[in-house]
Amino acid sequence: QIRQVLAVPQGQPLLRVDTEGAAQRVAA
């Protein structure tokens, strides 16, 4: 469930991951 809400695709460059936005999605 956490991975689905995180919504960070495999293969995406790490630098392009919006960590703040991802954390907000999980915190919801």
PDB file of all heavy atoms in Angstrom:
ATOM      1  N   GLN A   1       0.833  -1.202   0.000  1.00  0.00           N
ATOM      2  CA  GLN A   1       0.000   0.000   0.000  1.00  0.00           C
ATOM      3  C   GLN A   1       0.867   1.251   0.000  1.00  0.00           C
ATOM      4  O   GLN A   1       0.581   2.220  -0.718  1.00  0.00           O
ATOM      5  CB  GLN A   1      -0.921   0.014   1.222  1.00  0.00           C
ATOM      6  CG  GLN A   1      -1.814   1.264   1.295  1.00  0.00           C
ATOM      7  CD  GLN A   1      -2.635   1.336   2.573  1.00  0.00           C
ATOM      8  OE1 GLN A   1      -2.474   0.513   3.475  1.00  0.00           O
ATOM      9  NE2 GLN A   1      -3.497   2.323   2.665  1.00  0.00           N
ATOM     10  N   ILE A   2       1.924   1.233   0.789  1.00  0.00           N
ATOM     11  CA  ILE A   2       2.819   2.396   0.849  1.00  0.00           C
ATOM     12  C   ILE A   2       3.489   2.618  -0.500  1.00  0.00           C
ATOM     13  O   ILE A   2       3.586   3.755  -0.982  1.00  0.00           O
ATOM     14  CB  ILE A   2       3.853   2.206   1.972  1.00  0.00           C
ATOM     15  CG1 ILE A   2       3.158   2.267   3.333  1.00  0.00           C
ATOM     16  CG2 ILE A   2       4.958   3.263   1.878  1.00  0.00           C
ATOM     17  CD1 ILE A   2       4.062   1.956   4.505  1.00  0.00           C
ATOM     18  N   ARG A   3       3.929   1.559  -1.135  1.00  0.00           N
ATOM     19  CA  ARG A   3       4.584   1.705  -2.439  1.00  0.00           C
ATOM     20  C   ARG A   3       3.615   2.239  -3.486  1.00  0.00           C
ATOM     21  O   ARG A   3       3.994   3.038  -4.343  1.00  0.00           O
ATOM     22  CB  ARG A   3       5.172   0.367  -2.878  1.00  0.00           C
ATOM     23  CG  ARG A   3       6.379  -0.082  -2.053  1.00  0.00           C
ATOM     24  CD  ARG A   3       7.078  -1.279  -2.704  1.00  0.00           C
ATOM     25  NE  ARG A   3       8.280  -1.644  -1.958  1.00  0.00           N
ATOM     26  CZ  ARG A   3       8.318  -2.589  -1.018  1.00  0.00           C
ATOM     27  NH1 ARG A   3       7.213  -3.272  -0.732  1.00  0.00           N
ATOM     28  NH2 ARG A   3       9.436  -2.857  -0.391  1.00  0.00           N
ATOM     29  N   GLN A   4       2.368   1.788  -3.428  1.00  0.00           N
ATOM     30  CA  GLN A   4       1.385   2.283  -4.401  1.00  0.00           C
ATOM     31  C   GLN A   4       1.132   3.769  -4.206  1.00  0.00           C
ATOM     32  O   GLN A   4       1.061   4.530  -5.187  1.00  0.00           O
ATOM     33  CB  GLN A   4       0.089   1.489  -4.253  1.00  0.00           C
ATOM     34  CG  GLN A   4       0.167   0.065  -4.768  1.00  0.00           C
ATOM     35  CD  GLN A   4      -1.136  -0.683  -4.584  1.00  0.00           C
ATOM     36  OE1 GLN A   4      -2.080  -0.191  -3.980  1.00  0.00           O
ATOM     37  NE2 GLN A   4      -1.208  -1.906  -5.106  1.00  0.00           N
ATOM     38  N   VAL A   5       0.984   4.198  -2.963  1.00  0.00           N
ATOM     39  CA  VAL A   5       0.730   5.616  -2.694  1.00  0.00           C
ATOM     40  C   VAL A   5       1.968   6.454  -2.982  1.00  0.00           C
ATOM     41  O   VAL A   5       1.876   7.597  -3.441  1.00  0.00           O
ATOM     42  CB  VAL A   5       0.268   5.798  -1.226  1.00  0.00           C
ATOM     43  CG1 VAL A   5       0.153   7.275  -0.878  1.00  0.00           C
ATOM     44  CG2 VAL A   5      -1.066   5.099  -0.994  1.00  0.00           C
ATOM     45  N   LEU A   6       3.129   5.878  -2.739  1.00  0.00           N
ATOM     46  CA  LEU A   6       4.389   6.580  -3.009  1.00  0.00           C
ATOM     47  C   LEU A   6       4.475   7.006  -4.466  1.00  0.00           C
ATOM     48  O   LEU A   6       4.898   8.120  -4.780  1.00  0.00           O
ATOM     49  CB  LEU A   6       5.557   5.660  -2.650  1.00  0.00           C
ATOM     50  CG  LEU A   6       6.971   6.227  -2.764  1.00  0.00           C
ATOM     51  CD1 LEU A   6       7.208   7.268  -1.682  1.00  0.00           C
ATOM     52  CD2 LEU A   6       7.990   5.111  -2.660  1.00  0.00           C
ATOM     53  N   ALA A   7       4.085   6.109  -5.358  1.00  0.00           N
ATOM     54  CA  ALA A   7       3.987   6.401  -6.801  1.00  0.00           C
ATOM     55  C   ALA A   7       5.304   6.890  -7.397  1.00  0.00           C
ATOM     56  O   ALA A   7       5.341   7.857  -8.166  1.00  0.00           O
ATOM     57  CB  ALA A   7       2.881   7.423  -7.060  1.00  0.00           C
ATOM     58  N   VAL A   8       6.387   6.208  -7.041  1.00  0.00           N
ATOM     59  CA  VAL A   8       7.686   6.494  -7.654  1.00  0.00           C
ATOM     60  C   VAL A   8       8.012   5.326  -8.582  1.00  0.00           C
ATOM     61  O   VAL A   8       8.234   4.209  -8.129  1.00  0.00           O
ATOM     62  CB  VAL A   8       8.789   6.648  -6.591  1.00  0.00           C
ATOM     63  CG1 VAL A   8      10.153   6.796  -7.270  1.00  0.00           C
ATOM     64  CG2 VAL A   8       8.502   7.855  -5.708  1.00  0.00           C
ATOM     65  N   PRO A   9       8.032   5.552  -9.899  1.00  0.00           N
ATOM     66  CA  PRO A   9       8.223   4.441 -10.848  1.00  0.00           C
ATOM     67  C   PRO A   9       9.662   3.913 -10.842  1.00  0.00           C
ATOM     68  O   PRO A   9      10.621   4.659 -10.623  1.00  0.00           O
ATOM     69  CB  PRO A   9       7.869   5.076 -12.193  1.00  0.00           C
ATOM     70  CG  PRO A   9       8.134   6.537 -12.013  1.00  0.00           C
ATOM     71  CD  PRO A   9       7.810   6.835 -10.574  1.00  0.00           C
ATOM     72  N   GLN A  10       9.777   2.625 -11.064  1.00  0.00           N
ATOM     73  CA  GLN A  10      11.091   2.025 -11.253  1.00  0.00           C
ATOM     74  C   GLN A  10      11.755   2.630 -12.489  1.00  0.00           C
ATOM     75  O   GLN A  10      11.111   2.864 -13.506  1.00  0.00           O
ATOM     76  CB  GLN A  10      10.959   0.508 -11.427  1.00  0.00           C
ATOM     77  CG  GLN A  10      10.427  -0.219 -10.189  1.00  0.00           C
ATOM     78  CD  GLN A  10      11.462  -0.293  -9.087  1.00  0.00           C
ATOM     79  OE1 GLN A  10      12.576  -0.759  -9.299  1.00  0.00           O
ATOM     80  NE2 GLN A  10      11.101   0.174  -7.902  1.00  0.00           N
ATOM     81  N   GLY A  11      13.030   2.885 -12.368  1.00  0.00           N
ATOM     82  CA  GLY A  11      13.777   3.428 -13.498  1.00  0.00           C
ATOM     83  C   GLY A  11      13.843   4.938 -13.541  1.00  0.00           C
ATOM     84  O   GLY A  11      14.588   5.502 -14.356  1.00  0.00           O
ATOM     85  N   GLN A  12      13.077   5.615 -12.693  1.00  0.00           N
ATOM     86  CA  GLN A  12      13.146   7.074 -12.675  1.00  0.00           C
ATOM     87  C   GLN A  12      14.467   7.516 -12.042  1.00  0.00           C
ATOM     88  O   GLN A  12      14.863   7.011 -10.986  1.00  0.00           O
ATOM     89  CB  GLN A  12      11.989   7.660 -11.880  1.00  0.00           C
ATOM     90  CG  GLN A  12      11.987   9.195 -11.860  1.00  0.00           C
ATOM     91  CD  GLN A  12      10.784   9.761 -11.115  1.00  0.00           C
ATOM     92  OE1 GLN A  12      10.134   9.061 -10.357  1.00  0.00           O
ATOM     93  NE2 GLN A  12      10.479  11.017 -11.351  1.00  0.00           N
ATOM     94  N   PRO A  13      15.195   8.451 -12.662  1.00  0.00           N
ATOM     95  CA  PRO A  13      16.431   8.937 -12.048  1.00  0.00           C
ATOM     96  C   PRO A  13      16.180   9.473 -10.639  1.00  0.00           C
ATOM     97  O   PRO A  13      15.193  10.182 -10.406  1.00  0.00           O
ATOM     98  CB  PRO A  13      16.888  10.046 -13.002  1.00  0.00           C
ATOM     99  CG  PRO A  13      16.307   9.649 -14.316  1.00  0.00           C
ATOM    100  CD  PRO A  13      14.980   9.030 -13.998  1.00  0.00           C
ATOM    101  N   LEU A  14      17.054   9.109  -9.696  1.00  0.00           N
ATOM    102  CA  LEU A  14      16.854   9.498  -8.304  1.00  0.00           C
ATOM    103  C   LEU A  14      16.730  11.005  -8.137  1.00  0.00           C
ATOM    104  O   LEU A  14      15.925  11.487  -7.333  1.00  0.00           O
ATOM    105  CB  LEU A  14      18.011   8.968  -7.447  1.00  0.00           C
ATOM    106  CG  LEU A  14      17.968   7.496  -7.055  1.00  0.00           C
ATOM    107  CD1 LEU A  14      19.251   7.109  -6.344  1.00  0.00           C
ATOM    108  CD2 LEU A  14      16.773   7.196  -6.177  1.00  0.00           C
ATOM    109  N   LEU A  15      17.538  11.757  -8.884  1.00  0.00           N
ATOM    110  CA  LEU A  15      17.509  13.209  -8.739  1.00  0.00           C
ATOM    111  C   LEU A  15      16.164  13.801  -9.146  1.00  0.00           C
ATOM    112  O   LEU A  15      15.816  14.906  -8.723  1.00  0.00           O
ATOM    113  CB  LEU A  15      18.623  13.848  -9.570  1.00  0.00           C
ATOM    114  CG  LEU A  15      20.033  13.800  -8.974  1.00  0.00           C
ATOM    115  CD1 LEU A  15      21.025  14.446  -9.921  1.00  0.00           C
ATOM    116  CD2 LEU A  15      20.068  14.499  -7.622  1.00  0.00           C
ATOM    117  N   ARG A  16      15.397  13.087  -9.956  1.00  0.00           N
ATOM    118  CA  ARG A  16      14.113  13.608 -10.429  1.00  0.00           C
ATOM    119  C   ARG A  16      12.942  13.172  -9.547  1.00  0.00           C
ATOM    120  O   ARG A  16      11.795  13.521  -9.825  1.00  0.00           O
ATOM    121  CB  ARG A  16      13.889  13.172 -11.871  1.00  0.00           C
ATOM    122  CG  ARG A  16      14.948  13.750 -12.813  1.00  0.00           C
ATOM    123  CD  ARG A  16      14.874  13.159 -14.193  1.00  0.00           C
ATOM    124  NE  ARG A  16      13.636  13.516 -14.888  1.00  0.00           N
ATOM    125  CZ  ARG A  16      13.355  13.145 -16.139  1.00  0.00           C
ATOM    126  NH1 ARG A  16      14.230  12.402 -16.812  1.00  0.00           N
ATOM    127  NH2 ARG A  16      12.223  13.493 -16.696  1.00  0.00           N
ATOM    128  N   VAL A  17      13.230  12.437  -8.477  1.00  0.00           N
ATOM    129  CA  VAL A  17      12.175  12.024  -7.559  1.00  0.00           C
ATOM    130  C   VAL A  17      11.839  13.182  -6.624  1.00  0.00           C
ATOM    131  O   VAL A  17      12.715  13.719  -5.942  1.00  0.00           O
ATOM    132  CB  VAL A  17      12.606  10.789  -6.726  1.00  0.00           C
ATOM    133  CG1 VAL A  17      11.544  10.462  -5.677  1.00  0.00           C
ATOM    134  CG2 VAL A  17      12.843   9.598  -7.643  1.00  0.00           C
ATOM    135  N   ASP A  18      10.597  13.564  -6.590  1.00  0.00           N
ATOM    136  CA  ASP A  18      10.118  14.611  -5.678  1.00  0.00           C
ATOM    137  C   ASP A  18       9.882  13.969  -4.307  1.00  0.00           C
ATOM    138  O   ASP A  18       8.789  13.476  -4.016  1.00  0.00           O
ATOM    139  CB  ASP A  18       8.832  15.231  -6.222  1.00  0.00           C
ATOM    140  CG  ASP A  18       8.252  16.302  -5.298  1.00  0.00           C
ATOM    141  OD1 ASP A  18       8.901  16.646  -4.288  1.00  0.00           O
ATOM    142  OD2 ASP A  18       7.121  16.773  -5.564  1.00  0.00           O
ATOM    143  N   THR A  19      10.909  13.967  -3.471  1.00  0.00           N
ATOM    144  CA  THR A  19      10.815  13.276  -2.181  1.00  0.00           C
ATOM    145  C   THR A  19       9.793  13.934  -1.253  1.00  0.00           C
ATOM    146  O   THR A  19       9.098  13.248  -0.505  1.00  0.00           O
ATOM    147  CB  THR A  19      12.183  13.229  -1.490  1.00  0.00           C
ATOM    148  OG1 THR A  19      12.713  14.562  -1.376  1.00  0.00           O
ATOM    149  CG2 THR A  19      13.161  12.369  -2.272  1.00  0.00           C
ATOM    150  N   GLU A  20       9.686  15.258  -1.308  1.00  0.00           N
ATOM    151  CA  GLU A  20       8.726  15.949  -0.447  1.00  0.00           C
ATOM    152  C   GLU A  20       7.291  15.597  -0.839  1.00  0.00           C
ATOM    153  O   GLU A  20       6.447  15.300   0.018  1.00  0.00           O
ATOM    154  CB  GLU A  20       8.935  17.454  -0.523  1.00  0.00           C
ATOM    155  CG  GLU A  20       8.011  18.246   0.401  1.00  0.00           C
ATOM    156  CD  GLU A  20       8.285  19.742   0.366  1.00  0.00           C
ATOM    157  OE1 GLU A  20       9.325  20.135  -0.200  1.00  0.00           O
ATOM    158  OE2 GLU A  20       7.463  20.507   0.911  1.00  0.00           O
ATOM    159  N   GLY A  21       7.019  15.618  -2.134  1.00  0.00           N
ATOM    160  CA  GLY A  21       5.682  15.268  -2.598  1.00  0.00           C
ATOM    161  C   GLY A  21       5.346  13.817  -2.293  1.00  0.00           C
ATOM    162  O   GLY A  21       4.214  13.492  -1.908  1.00  0.00           O
ATOM    163  N   ALA A  22       6.330  12.930  -2.471  1.00  0.00           N
ATOM    164  CA  ALA A  22       6.109  11.515  -2.175  1.00  0.00           C
ATOM    165  C   ALA A  22       5.814  11.308  -0.693  1.00  0.00           C
ATOM    166  O   ALA A  22       4.933  10.523  -0.323  1.00  0.00           O
ATOM    167  CB  ALA A  22       7.327  10.697  -2.597  1.00  0.00           C
ATOM    168  N   ALA A  23       6.539  12.023   0.166  1.00  0.00           N
ATOM    169  CA  ALA A  23       6.304  11.906   1.608  1.00  0.00           C
ATOM    170  C   ALA A  23       4.909  12.402   1.975  1.00  0.00           C
ATOM    171  O   ALA A  23       4.233  11.808   2.828  1.00  0.00           O
ATOM    172  CB  ALA A  23       7.365  12.686   2.375  1.00  0.00           C
ATOM    173  N   GLN A  24       4.454  13.464   1.324  1.00  0.00           N
ATOM    174  CA  GLN A  24       3.107  13.982   1.598  1.00  0.00           C
ATOM    175  C   GLN A  24       2.040  12.975   1.190  1.00  0.00           C
ATOM    176  O   GLN A  24       1.021  12.827   1.881  1.00  0.00           O
ATOM    177  CB  GLN A  24       2.911  15.308   0.868  1.00  0.00           C
ATOM    178  CG  GLN A  24       3.726  16.458   1.452  1.00  0.00           C
ATOM    179  CD  GLN A  24       3.590  17.737   0.633  1.00  0.00           C
ATOM    180  OE1 GLN A  24       2.993  17.741  -0.443  1.00  0.00           O
ATOM    181  NE2 GLN A  24       4.148  18.823   1.146  1.00  0.00           N
ATOM    182  N   ARG A  25       2.271  12.267   0.102  1.00  0.00           N
ATOM    183  CA  ARG A  25       1.293  11.266  -0.336  1.00  0.00           C
ATOM    184  C   ARG A  25       1.207  10.119   0.671  1.00  0.00           C
ATOM    185  O   ARG A  25       0.112   9.642   0.994  1.00  0.00           O
ATOM    186  CB  ARG A  25       1.664  10.734  -1.729  1.00  0.00           C
ATOM    187  CG  ARG A  25       1.494  11.754  -2.846  1.00  0.00           C
ATOM    188  CD  ARG A  25       1.577  11.111  -4.215  1.00  0.00           C
ATOM    189  NE  ARG A  25       2.888  10.558  -4.515  1.00  0.00           N
ATOM    190  CZ  ARG A  25       3.887  11.235  -5.048  1.00  0.00           C
ATOM    191  NH1 ARG A  25       3.746  12.527  -5.317  1.00  0.00           N
ATOM    192  NH2 ARG A  25       5.046  10.645  -5.308  1.00  0.00           N
ATOM    193  N   VAL A  26       2.353   9.684   1.159  1.00  0.00           N
ATOM    194  CA  VAL A  26       2.355   8.590   2.132  1.00  0.00           C
ATOM    195  C   VAL A  26       1.738   9.048   3.455  1.00  0.00           C
ATOM    196  O   VAL A  26       0.981   8.319   4.095  1.00  0.00           O
ATOM    197  CB  VAL A  26       3.795   8.067   2.359  1.00  0.00           C
ATOM    198  CG1 VAL A  26       3.823   7.025   3.473  1.00  0.00           C
ATOM    199  CG2 VAL A  26       4.346   7.467   1.075  1.00  0.00           C
ATOM    200  N   ALA A  27       2.041  10.288   3.861  1.00  0.00           N
ATOM    201  CA  ALA A  27       1.495  10.817   5.115  1.00  0.00           C
ATOM    202  C   ALA A  27      -0.015  10.973   5.069  1.00  0.00           C
ATOM    203  O   ALA A  27      -0.661  11.084   6.116  1.00  0.00           O
ATOM    204  CB  ALA A  27       2.151  12.155   5.450  1.00  0.00           C
ATOM    205  N   ALA A  28      -0.596  10.976   3.863  1.00  0.00           N
ATOM    206  CA  ALA A  28      -2.048  11.092   3.732  1.00  0.00           C
ATOM    207  C   ALA A  28      -2.766   9.784   4.072  1.00  0.00           C
ATOM    208  O   ALA A  28      -3.993   9.777   4.226  1.00  0.00           O
ATOM    209  CB  ALA A  28      -2.416  11.533   2.320  1.00  0.00           C
TER     210      ALA A  28
END
